[in-house]
């Protein structure tokens, strides 16, 4: 029950119906007896500036999770950014200070790593392919590099996005081997789809089916898409005997990181 005394957090993006955060947060709030609620906000791009101004004056709003397509756009409108959010130029969570100042961080990568570790994956010394170099892909790549990944291959239809992410990673992690070409998946310990390919009722794959035949059964295959939970990519990987990580698992793993930054949950949930 939302009351006049209820403190709020929000999640903003478009479309918004597929996101798991409201269900995850509101279940946690209810189970722990907190007078808090998360509101999903499907916002048009033209209203972003007004929305940011509204956040500054919204007294009973503790913070806001940011999802596609506004992670980069909102980063430039905030009053302060964490080191990783500044490096990536994107945010996925905002904290509203008592004086109305808005601070941003990007914990997509931390959530992804938390879920991957539950599957037994350790980044240190290993290699990964990240398909999709937008906001979430960049955050995952950054977190993998920060955790000691030895080699990363970046793939995206936009050459500019690949180049920009490669530059960020190269400047921050000079020992990381960065590639953009590959003809097989057999050398990767981790393959990540960080693009929207496979969302909804699409049967599209982010990688050619023939290339997926080169997956090793020990390779962890992950997808950030949350609906459907098991995407066409993950179905193919499972057929190859690979362990899989769903977008829903990543979303739940980053719940504590998002909540802790907004001040509404502990880091470990």
C-alpha atoms as a PDB file:
ATOM      1  CA  UNK A   1       0.000   0.000   0.000  1.00  0.00           C
ATOM      2  CA  UNK A   2       1.407   3.385  -1.030  1.00  0.00           C
ATOM      3  CA  UNK A   3       0.599   6.051   1.549  1.00  0.00           C
ATOM      4  CA  UNK A   4       1.335   9.731   1.888  1.00  0.00           C
ATOM      5  CA  UNK A   5       4.274   8.780   4.097  1.00  0.00           C
ATOM      6  CA  UNK A   6       5.736   6.354   1.548  1.00  0.00           C
ATOM      7  CA  UNK A   7       9.164   7.211   0.211  1.00  0.00           C
ATOM      8  CA  UNK A   8       9.680   6.494  -3.455  1.00  0.00           C
ATOM      9  CA  UNK A   9      12.287   5.333  -5.908  1.00  0.00           C
ATOM     10  CA  UNK A  10      11.671   5.187  -9.634  1.00  0.00           C
ATOM     11  CA  UNK A  11      12.930   3.494 -12.769  1.00  0.00           C
ATOM     12  CA  UNK A  12      12.866   5.481 -15.992  1.00  0.00           C
ATOM     13  CA  UNK A  13      13.216   4.323 -19.585  1.00  0.00           C
ATOM     14  CA  UNK A  14      11.196   3.525 -22.682  1.00  0.00           C
ATOM     15  CA  UNK A  15       9.779   0.946 -23.122  1.00  0.00           C
ATOM     16  CA  UNK A  16       9.464   0.080 -19.460  1.00  0.00           C
ATOM     17  CA  UNK A  17       6.942  -2.797 -19.238  1.00  0.00           C
ATOM     18  CA  UNK A  18       9.621  -5.505 -19.539  1.00  0.00           C
ATOM     19  CA  UNK A  19      11.865  -4.367 -16.661  1.00  0.00           C
ATOM     20  CA  UNK A  20      12.204  -6.545 -13.553  1.00  0.00           C
ATOM     21  CA  UNK A  21      13.312  -3.885 -11.053  1.00  0.00           C
ATOM     22  CA  UNK A  22       9.846  -2.793  -9.798  1.00  0.00           C
ATOM     23  CA  UNK A  23       8.877  -6.385  -8.996  1.00  0.00           C
ATOM     24  CA  UNK A  24      12.250  -7.113  -7.374  1.00  0.00           C
ATOM     25  CA  UNK A  25      12.400  -3.921  -5.316  1.00  0.00           C
ATOM     26  CA  UNK A  26       8.759  -3.843  -4.253  1.00  0.00           C
ATOM     27  CA  UNK A  27       8.888  -7.496  -3.179  1.00  0.00           C
ATOM     28  CA  UNK A  28      12.009  -6.776  -1.097  1.00  0.00           C
ATOM     29  CA  UNK A  29      10.455  -3.648   0.452  1.00  0.00           C
ATOM     30  CA  UNK A  30       7.285  -5.542   1.372  1.00  0.00           C
ATOM     31  CA  UNK A  31       9.141  -8.555   2.773  1.00  0.00           C
ATOM     32  CA  UNK A  32      11.296  -6.317   4.964  1.00  0.00           C
ATOM     33  CA  UNK A  33       8.518  -4.006   6.171  1.00  0.00           C
ATOM     34  CA  UNK A  34       9.841  -0.824   4.565  1.00  0.00           C
ATOM     35  CA  UNK A  35       7.469   2.034   3.697  1.00  0.00           C
ATOM     36  CA  UNK A  36       9.063   2.365   0.256  1.00  0.00           C
ATOM     37  CA  UNK A  37       7.857   1.744  -3.288  1.00  0.00           C
ATOM     38  CA  UNK A  38       9.327   1.771  -6.794  1.00  0.00           C
ATOM     39  CA  UNK A  39       7.435   3.429  -9.651  1.00  0.00           C
ATOM     40  CA  UNK A  40       8.070   2.533 -13.323  1.00  0.00           C
ATOM     41  CA  UNK A  41       8.157   5.641 -15.551  1.00  0.00           C
ATOM     42  CA  UNK A  42       7.892   5.296 -19.351  1.00  0.00           C
ATOM     43  CA  UNK A  43       9.207   8.663 -20.495  1.00  0.00           C
ATOM     44  CA  UNK A  44       9.443  10.354 -23.877  1.00  0.00           C
ATOM     45  CA  UNK A  45      12.883  11.697 -24.758  1.00  0.00           C
ATOM     46  CA  UNK A  46      11.539  15.226 -25.174  1.00  0.00           C
ATOM     47  CA  UNK A  47      10.674  15.288 -21.445  1.00  0.00           C
ATOM     48  CA  UNK A  48      14.113  14.304 -20.093  1.00  0.00           C
ATOM     49  CA  UNK A  49      15.169  17.841 -19.153  1.00  0.00           C
ATOM     50  CA  UNK A  50      11.927  18.553 -17.330  1.00  0.00           C
ATOM     51  CA  UNK A  51      12.124  15.158 -15.640  1.00  0.00           C
ATOM     52  CA  UNK A  52      15.610  15.896 -14.274  1.00  0.00           C
ATOM     53  CA  UNK A  53      14.434  19.233 -12.883  1.00  0.00           C
ATOM     54  CA  UNK A  54      11.473  17.461 -11.276  1.00  0.00           C
ATOM     55  CA  UNK A  55      13.789  14.945  -9.592  1.00  0.00           C
ATOM     56  CA  UNK A  56      15.682  17.780  -7.915  1.00  0.00           C
ATOM     57  CA  UNK A  57      12.503  19.052  -6.259  1.00  0.00           C
ATOM     58  CA  UNK A  58      10.836  15.694  -5.537  1.00  0.00           C
ATOM     59  CA  UNK A  59      11.185  15.600  -1.743  1.00  0.00           C
ATOM     60  CA  UNK A  60       9.949  12.053  -1.095  1.00  0.00           C
ATOM     61  CA  UNK A  61      11.986  10.519  -3.959  1.00  0.00           C
ATOM     62  CA  UNK A  62      15.204   8.852  -2.804  1.00  0.00           C
ATOM     63  CA  UNK A  63      16.566   7.988  -6.231  1.00  0.00           C
ATOM     64  CA  UNK A  64      15.987   6.640  -9.695  1.00  0.00           C
ATOM     65  CA  UNK A  65      17.190   3.639 -11.689  1.00  0.00           C
ATOM     66  CA  UNK A  66      17.890   4.444 -15.342  1.00  0.00           C
ATOM     67  CA  UNK A  67      17.392   1.956 -18.164  1.00  0.00           C
ATOM     68  CA  UNK A  68      17.486   2.093 -21.967  1.00  0.00           C
ATOM     69  CA  UNK A  69      17.643   4.387 -23.830  1.00  0.00           C
ATOM     70  CA  UNK A  70      18.514   7.163 -21.331  1.00  0.00           C
ATOM     71  CA  UNK A  71      21.718   6.002 -19.600  1.00  0.00           C
ATOM     72  CA  UNK A  72      23.968   8.327 -21.615  1.00  0.00           C
ATOM     73  CA  UNK A  73      21.529  11.221 -21.970  1.00  0.00           C
ATOM     74  CA  UNK A  74      20.878  11.541 -18.233  1.00  0.00           C
ATOM     75  CA  UNK A  75      24.573  11.291 -17.308  1.00  0.00           C
ATOM     76  CA  UNK A  76      25.174  14.736 -18.802  1.00  0.00           C
ATOM     77  CA  UNK A  77      22.357  16.311 -16.783  1.00  0.00           C
ATOM     78  CA  UNK A  78      23.461  15.339 -13.272  1.00  0.00           C
ATOM     79  CA  UNK A  79      25.411  17.264 -10.648  1.00  0.00           C
ATOM     80  CA  UNK A  80      28.072  14.613 -10.028  1.00  0.00           C
ATOM     81  CA  UNK A  81      29.225  11.199 -11.312  1.00  0.00           C
ATOM     82  CA  UNK A  82      31.235   8.303  -9.913  1.00  0.00           C
ATOM     83  CA  UNK A  83      34.606   7.610 -11.525  1.00  0.00           C
ATOM     84  CA  UNK A  84      33.270   4.711 -13.605  1.00  0.00           C
ATOM     85  CA  UNK A  85      30.126   6.577 -14.642  1.00  0.00           C
ATOM     86  CA  UNK A  86      32.242   9.540 -15.736  1.00  0.00           C
ATOM     87  CA  UNK A  87      34.595   7.262 -17.690  1.00  0.00           C
ATOM     88  CA  UNK A  88      31.686   5.513 -19.409  1.00  0.00           C
ATOM     89  CA  UNK A  89      29.564   8.629 -19.896  1.00  0.00           C
ATOM     90  CA  UNK A  90      26.496   6.724 -18.693  1.00  0.00           C
ATOM     91  CA  UNK A  91      24.520   6.094 -15.508  1.00  0.00           C
ATOM     92  CA  UNK A  92      22.028   3.470 -14.461  1.00  0.00           C
ATOM     93  CA  UNK A  93      21.241   4.834 -11.010  1.00  0.00           C
ATOM     94  CA  UNK A  94      20.741   8.307  -9.531  1.00  0.00           C
ATOM     95  CA  UNK A  95      20.699   9.341  -5.871  1.00  0.00           C
ATOM     96  CA  UNK A  96      18.844  12.469  -4.833  1.00  0.00           C
ATOM     97  CA  UNK A  97      20.689  14.307  -2.075  1.00  0.00           C
ATOM     98  CA  UNK A  98      18.794  16.143   0.652  1.00  0.00           C
ATOM     99  CA  UNK A  99      19.602  19.463  -1.020  1.00  0.00           C
ATOM    100  CA  UNK A 100      18.235  18.254  -4.375  1.00  0.00           C
ATOM    101  CA  UNK A 101      21.598  17.552  -6.009  1.00  0.00           C
ATOM    102  CA  UNK A 102      21.604  14.483  -8.265  1.00  0.00           C
ATOM    103  CA  UNK A 103      24.542  12.048  -8.200  1.00  0.00           C
ATOM    104  CA  UNK A 104      24.951   9.195 -10.662  1.00  0.00           C
ATOM    105  CA  UNK A 105      26.709   5.827 -10.814  1.00  0.00           C
ATOM    106  CA  UNK A 106      26.726   2.860 -13.174  1.00  0.00           C
ATOM    107  CA  UNK A 107      26.447  -0.521 -11.441  1.00  0.00           C
ATOM    108  CA  UNK A 108      25.419  -2.583 -14.482  1.00  0.00           C
ATOM    109  CA  UNK A 109      28.881  -4.117 -14.539  1.00  0.00           C
ATOM    110  CA  UNK A 110      28.919  -4.875 -10.823  1.00  0.00           C
ATOM    111  CA  UNK A 111      25.561  -6.622 -11.123  1.00  0.00           C
ATOM    112  CA  UNK A 112      26.726  -8.605 -14.134  1.00  0.00           C
ATOM    113  CA  UNK A 113      29.895  -9.739 -12.357  1.00  0.00           C
ATOM    114  CA  UNK A 114      27.931 -10.720  -9.265  1.00  0.00           C
ATOM    115  CA  UNK A 115      25.674 -12.976 -11.330  1.00  0.00           C
ATOM    116  CA  UNK A 116      28.620 -14.416 -13.296  1.00  0.00           C
ATOM    117  CA  UNK A 117      30.466 -15.284 -10.099  1.00  0.00           C
ATOM    118  CA  UNK A 118      27.443 -17.294  -8.991  1.00  0.00           C
ATOM    119  CA  UNK A 119      28.015 -19.383 -12.130  1.00  0.00           C
ATOM    120  CA  UNK A 120      31.653 -19.893 -11.137  1.00  0.00           C
ATOM    121  CA  UNK A 121      33.106 -17.376 -13.609  1.00  0.00           C
ATOM    122  CA  UNK A 122      36.139 -15.346 -12.586  1.00  0.00           C
ATOM    123  CA  UNK A 123      37.297 -12.564 -14.886  1.00  0.00           C
ATOM    124  CA  UNK A 124      40.973 -12.530 -13.861  1.00  0.00           C
ATOM    125  CA  UNK A 125      43.189 -13.897 -16.619  1.00  0.00           C
ATOM    126  CA  UNK A 126      40.317 -14.910 -18.879  1.00  0.00           C
ATOM    127  CA  UNK A 127      38.921 -13.739 -22.228  1.00  0.00           C
ATOM    128  CA  UNK A 128      35.502 -12.413 -23.190  1.00  0.00           C
ATOM    129  CA  UNK A 129      33.453 -11.351 -26.191  1.00  0.00           C
ATOM    130  CA  UNK A 130      31.029  -8.484 -25.564  1.00  0.00           C
ATOM    131  CA  UNK A 131      28.408  -7.995 -28.284  1.00  0.00           C
ATOM    132  CA  UNK A 132      26.913  -4.517 -27.983  1.00  0.00           C
ATOM    133  CA  UNK A 133      28.935  -1.490 -26.915  1.00  0.00           C
ATOM    134  CA  UNK A 134      26.130   0.786 -25.724  1.00  0.00           C
ATOM    135  CA  UNK A 135      25.487   1.705 -22.100  1.00  0.00           C
ATOM    136  CA  UNK A 136      25.156  -1.765 -20.592  1.00  0.00           C
ATOM    137  CA  UNK A 137      27.834  -3.358 -22.783  1.00  0.00           C
ATOM    138  CA  UNK A 138      30.306  -0.614 -21.910  1.00  0.00           C
ATOM    139  CA  UNK A 139      29.605  -1.034 -18.193  1.00  0.00           C
ATOM    140  CA  UNK A 140      30.065  -4.811 -18.391  1.00  0.00           C
ATOM    141  CA  UNK A 141      33.314  -4.452 -20.344  1.00  0.00           C
ATOM    142  CA  UNK A 142      34.627  -1.888 -17.845  1.00  0.00           C
ATOM    143  CA  UNK A 143      33.785  -4.106 -14.865  1.00  0.00           C
ATOM    144  CA  UNK A 144      35.391  -7.150 -16.482  1.00  0.00           C
ATOM    145  CA  UNK A 145      38.563  -5.171 -17.140  1.00  0.00           C
ATOM    146  CA  UNK A 146      38.527  -3.819 -13.591  1.00  0.00           C
ATOM    147  CA  UNK A 147      38.288  -7.421 -12.325  1.00  0.00           C
ATOM    148  CA  UNK A 148      41.461  -8.417 -14.199  1.00  0.00           C
ATOM    149  CA  UNK A 149      40.216  -9.741 -17.542  1.00  0.00           C
ATOM    150  CA  UNK A 150      43.209 -10.483 -19.799  1.00  0.00           C
ATOM    151  CA  UNK A 151      41.575 -10.137 -23.237  1.00  0.00           C
ATOM    152  CA  UNK A 152      38.353  -8.599 -24.511  1.00  0.00           C
ATOM    153  CA  UNK A 153      36.824  -8.572 -27.974  1.00  0.00           C
ATOM    154  CA  UNK A 154      34.277  -5.853 -28.722  1.00  0.00           C
ATOM    155  CA  UNK A 155      31.536  -6.143 -31.339  1.00  0.00           C
ATOM    156  CA  UNK A 156      28.877  -3.619 -32.352  1.00  0.00           C
ATOM    157  CA  UNK A 157      27.268  -2.485 -35.640  1.00  0.00           C
ATOM    158  CA  UNK A 158      28.536   1.020 -34.803  1.00  0.00           C
ATOM    159  CA  UNK A 159      32.250   1.378 -35.474  1.00  0.00           C
ATOM    160  CA  UNK A 160      32.162   4.636 -33.515  1.00  0.00           C
ATOM    161  CA  UNK A 161      30.812   2.912 -30.398  1.00  0.00           C
ATOM    162  CA  UNK A 162      33.448   0.185 -30.597  1.00  0.00           C
ATOM    163  CA  UNK A 163      36.174   2.789 -31.026  1.00  0.00           C
ATOM    164  CA  UNK A 164      34.947   4.932 -28.153  1.00  0.00           C
ATOM    165  CA  UNK A 165      34.730   1.995 -25.737  1.00  0.00           C
ATOM    166  CA  UNK A 166      38.108   0.665 -26.868  1.00  0.00           C
ATOM    167  CA  UNK A 167      39.648   4.060 -26.142  1.00  0.00           C
ATOM    168  CA  UNK A 168      38.106   4.221 -22.655  1.00  0.00           C
ATOM    169  CA  UNK A 169      39.310   0.716 -21.815  1.00  0.00           C
ATOM    170  CA  UNK A 170      42.759   1.250 -23.319  1.00  0.00           C
ATOM    171  CA  UNK A 171      43.327   4.452 -21.353  1.00  0.00           C
ATOM    172  CA  UNK A 172      42.108   3.039 -18.041  1.00  0.00           C
ATOM    173  CA  UNK A 173      43.451  -0.538 -18.377  1.00  0.00           C
ATOM    174  CA  UNK A 174      46.686  -0.463 -20.429  1.00  0.00           C
ATOM    175  CA  UNK A 175      47.445  -4.157 -19.775  1.00  0.00           C
ATOM    176  CA  UNK A 176      44.112  -5.313 -21.237  1.00  0.00           C
ATOM    177  CA  UNK A 177      44.357  -6.855 -24.717  1.00  0.00           C
ATOM    178  CA  UNK A 178      41.573  -5.374 -26.855  1.00  0.00           C
ATOM    179  CA  UNK A 179      40.395  -6.847 -30.168  1.00  0.00           C
ATOM    180  CA  UNK A 180      37.551  -6.191 -32.588  1.00  0.00           C
ATOM    181  CA  UNK A 181      37.847  -9.175 -34.958  1.00  0.00           C
ATOM    182  CA  UNK A 182      37.073 -12.832 -34.374  1.00  0.00           C
ATOM    183  CA  UNK A 183      36.212 -15.827 -36.559  1.00  0.00           C
ATOM    184  CA  UNK A 184      35.408 -18.369 -33.830  1.00  0.00           C
ATOM    185  CA  UNK A 185      34.098 -18.463 -30.265  1.00  0.00           C
ATOM    186  CA  UNK A 186      36.291 -21.337 -29.107  1.00  0.00           C
ATOM    187  CA  UNK A 187      38.862 -19.137 -27.358  1.00  0.00           C
ATOM    188  CA  UNK A 188      36.363 -17.199 -25.210  1.00  0.00           C
ATOM    189  CA  UNK A 189      35.657 -18.035 -21.585  1.00  0.00           C
ATOM    190  CA  UNK A 190      32.660 -15.680 -21.615  1.00  0.00           C
ATOM    191  CA  UNK A 191      30.306 -14.540 -24.389  1.00  0.00           C
ATOM    192  CA  UNK A 192      27.905 -11.703 -23.557  1.00  0.00           C
ATOM    193  CA  UNK A 193      25.014 -10.316 -25.562  1.00  0.00           C
ATOM    194  CA  UNK A 194      24.703  -6.742 -24.307  1.00  0.00           C
ATOM    195  CA  UNK A 195      22.450  -5.688 -27.198  1.00  0.00           C
ATOM    196  CA  UNK A 196      18.632  -5.746 -27.411  1.00  0.00           C
ATOM    197  CA  UNK A 197      18.730  -8.483 -30.075  1.00  0.00           C
ATOM    198  CA  UNK A 198      16.457 -11.332 -28.974  1.00  0.00           C
ATOM    199  CA  UNK A 199      14.058  -9.152 -26.981  1.00  0.00           C
ATOM    200  CA  UNK A 200      10.338  -9.870 -27.049  1.00  0.00           C
ATOM    201  CA  UNK A 201       9.071 -12.337 -29.632  1.00  0.00           C
ATOM    202  CA  UNK A 202      12.092 -11.959 -31.883  1.00  0.00           C
ATOM    203  CA  UNK A 203      13.867 -15.125 -32.981  1.00  0.00           C
ATOM    204  CA  UNK A 204      16.904 -13.107 -34.070  1.00  0.00           C
ATOM    205  CA  UNK A 205      20.352 -14.061 -32.809  1.00  0.00           C
ATOM    206  CA  UNK A 206      23.105 -11.551 -31.943  1.00  0.00           C
ATOM    207  CA  UNK A 207      25.657 -13.938 -33.486  1.00  0.00           C
ATOM    208  CA  UNK A 208      25.355 -16.183 -36.559  1.00  0.00           C
ATOM    209  CA  UNK A 209      24.082 -19.686 -35.779  1.00  0.00           C
ATOM    210  CA  UNK A 210      27.125 -21.211 -37.501  1.00  0.00           C
ATOM    211  CA  UNK A 211      29.435 -19.236 -35.211  1.00  0.00           C
ATOM    212  CA  UNK A 212      27.585 -20.486 -32.138  1.00  0.00           C
ATOM    213  CA  UNK A 213      28.543 -24.009 -33.179  1.00  0.00           C
ATOM    214  CA  UNK A 214      32.135 -23.119 -32.228  1.00  0.00           C
ATOM    215  CA  UNK A 215      31.255 -22.505 -28.548  1.00  0.00           C
ATOM    216  CA  UNK A 216      33.101 -24.624 -26.000  1.00  0.00           C
ATOM    217  CA  UNK A 217      30.780 -26.342 -23.479  1.00  0.00           C
ATOM    218  CA  UNK A 218      32.715 -24.652 -20.657  1.00  0.00           C
ATOM    219  CA  UNK A 219      32.057 -21.110 -21.954  1.00  0.00           C
ATOM    220  CA  UNK A 220      29.589 -19.042 -19.920  1.00  0.00           C
ATOM    221  CA  UNK A 221      27.049 -17.438 -22.273  1.00  0.00           C
ATOM    222  CA  UNK A 222      25.172 -14.454 -20.862  1.00  0.00           C
ATOM    223  CA  UNK A 223      22.384 -12.217 -22.123  1.00  0.00           C
ATOM    224  CA  UNK A 224      21.216  -8.882 -20.708  1.00  0.00           C
ATOM    225  CA  UNK A 225      17.744  -9.216 -22.267  1.00  0.00           C
ATOM    226  CA  UNK A 226      15.173  -9.877 -19.530  1.00  0.00           C
ATOM    227  CA  UNK A 227      12.135 -10.774 -21.654  1.00  0.00           C
ATOM    228  CA  UNK A 228      12.090 -13.568 -22.638  1.00  0.00           C
ATOM    229  CA  UNK A 229      14.211 -14.834 -19.779  1.00  0.00           C
ATOM    230  CA  UNK A 230      15.771 -17.549 -21.937  1.00  0.00           C
ATOM    231  CA  UNK A 231      16.535 -15.802 -25.216  1.00  0.00           C
ATOM    232  CA  UNK A 232      17.203 -17.512 -28.566  1.00  0.00           C
ATOM    233  CA  UNK A 233      20.938 -17.067 -27.890  1.00  0.00           C
ATOM    234  CA  UNK A 234      20.702 -18.761 -24.507  1.00  0.00           C
ATOM    235  CA  UNK A 235      18.646 -21.598 -26.000  1.00  0.00           C
ATOM    236  CA  UNK A 236      21.376 -22.229 -28.579  1.00  0.00           C
ATOM    237  CA  UNK A 237      24.076 -22.068 -25.914  1.00  0.00           C
ATOM    238  CA  UNK A 238      22.222 -24.506 -23.693  1.00  0.00           C
ATOM    239  CA  UNK A 239      21.971 -26.911 -26.630  1.00  0.00           C
ATOM    240  CA  UNK A 240      25.773 -26.726 -26.855  1.00  0.00           C
ATOM    241  CA  UNK A 241      26.016 -27.687 -23.182  1.00  0.00           C
ATOM    242  CA  UNK A 242      27.162 -24.234 -22.054  1.00  0.00           C
ATOM    243  CA  UNK A 243      26.247 -22.698 -18.705  1.00  0.00           C
ATOM    244  CA  UNK A 244      23.941 -19.717 -19.265  1.00  0.00           C
ATOM    245  CA  UNK A 245      23.250 -16.484 -17.415  1.00  0.00           C
ATOM    246  CA  UNK A 246      19.930 -14.706 -17.946  1.00  0.00           C
ATOM    247  CA  UNK A 247      19.174 -11.001 -17.909  1.00  0.00           C
ATOM    248  CA  UNK A 248      16.859 -11.603 -14.971  1.00  0.00           C
ATOM    249  CA  UNK A 249      19.744 -13.091 -12.969  1.00  0.00           C
ATOM    250  CA  UNK A 250      21.847 -10.006 -13.705  1.00  0.00           C
ATOM    251  CA  UNK A 251      18.953  -7.718 -12.737  1.00  0.00           C
ATOM    252  CA  UNK A 252      18.501  -9.460  -9.396  1.00  0.00           C
ATOM    253  CA  UNK A 253      22.261  -9.526  -8.720  1.00  0.00           C
ATOM    254  CA  UNK A 254      22.521  -5.754  -9.068  1.00  0.00           C
ATOM    255  CA  UNK A 255      19.503  -5.060  -6.842  1.00  0.00           C
ATOM    256  CA  UNK A 256      21.702  -4.481  -3.788  1.00  0.00           C
ATOM    257  CA  UNK A 257      24.118  -2.240  -5.718  1.00  0.00           C
ATOM    258  CA  UNK A 258      21.266  -0.075  -7.015  1.00  0.00           C
ATOM    259  CA  UNK A 259      19.481   0.046  -3.670  1.00  0.00           C
ATOM    260  CA  UNK A 260      22.621   0.803  -1.678  1.00  0.00           C
ATOM    261  CA  UNK A 261      23.522   3.730  -3.936  1.00  0.00           C
ATOM    262  CA  UNK A 262      20.016   5.168  -3.490  1.00  0.00           C
ATOM    263  CA  UNK A 263      20.163   4.445   0.263  1.00  0.00           C
ATOM    264  CA  UNK A 264      17.156   2.112   0.373  1.00  0.00           C
ATOM    265  CA  UNK A 265      18.732  -1.369   0.715  1.00  0.00           C
ATOM    266  CA  UNK A 266      21.947  -2.881   2.051  1.00  0.00           C
ATOM    267  CA  UNK A 267      24.579  -3.816  -0.532  1.00  0.00           C
ATOM    268  CA  UNK A 268      24.223  -7.528   0.223  1.00  0.00           C
ATOM    269  CA  UNK A 269      20.650  -8.742  -0.248  1.00  0.00           C
END
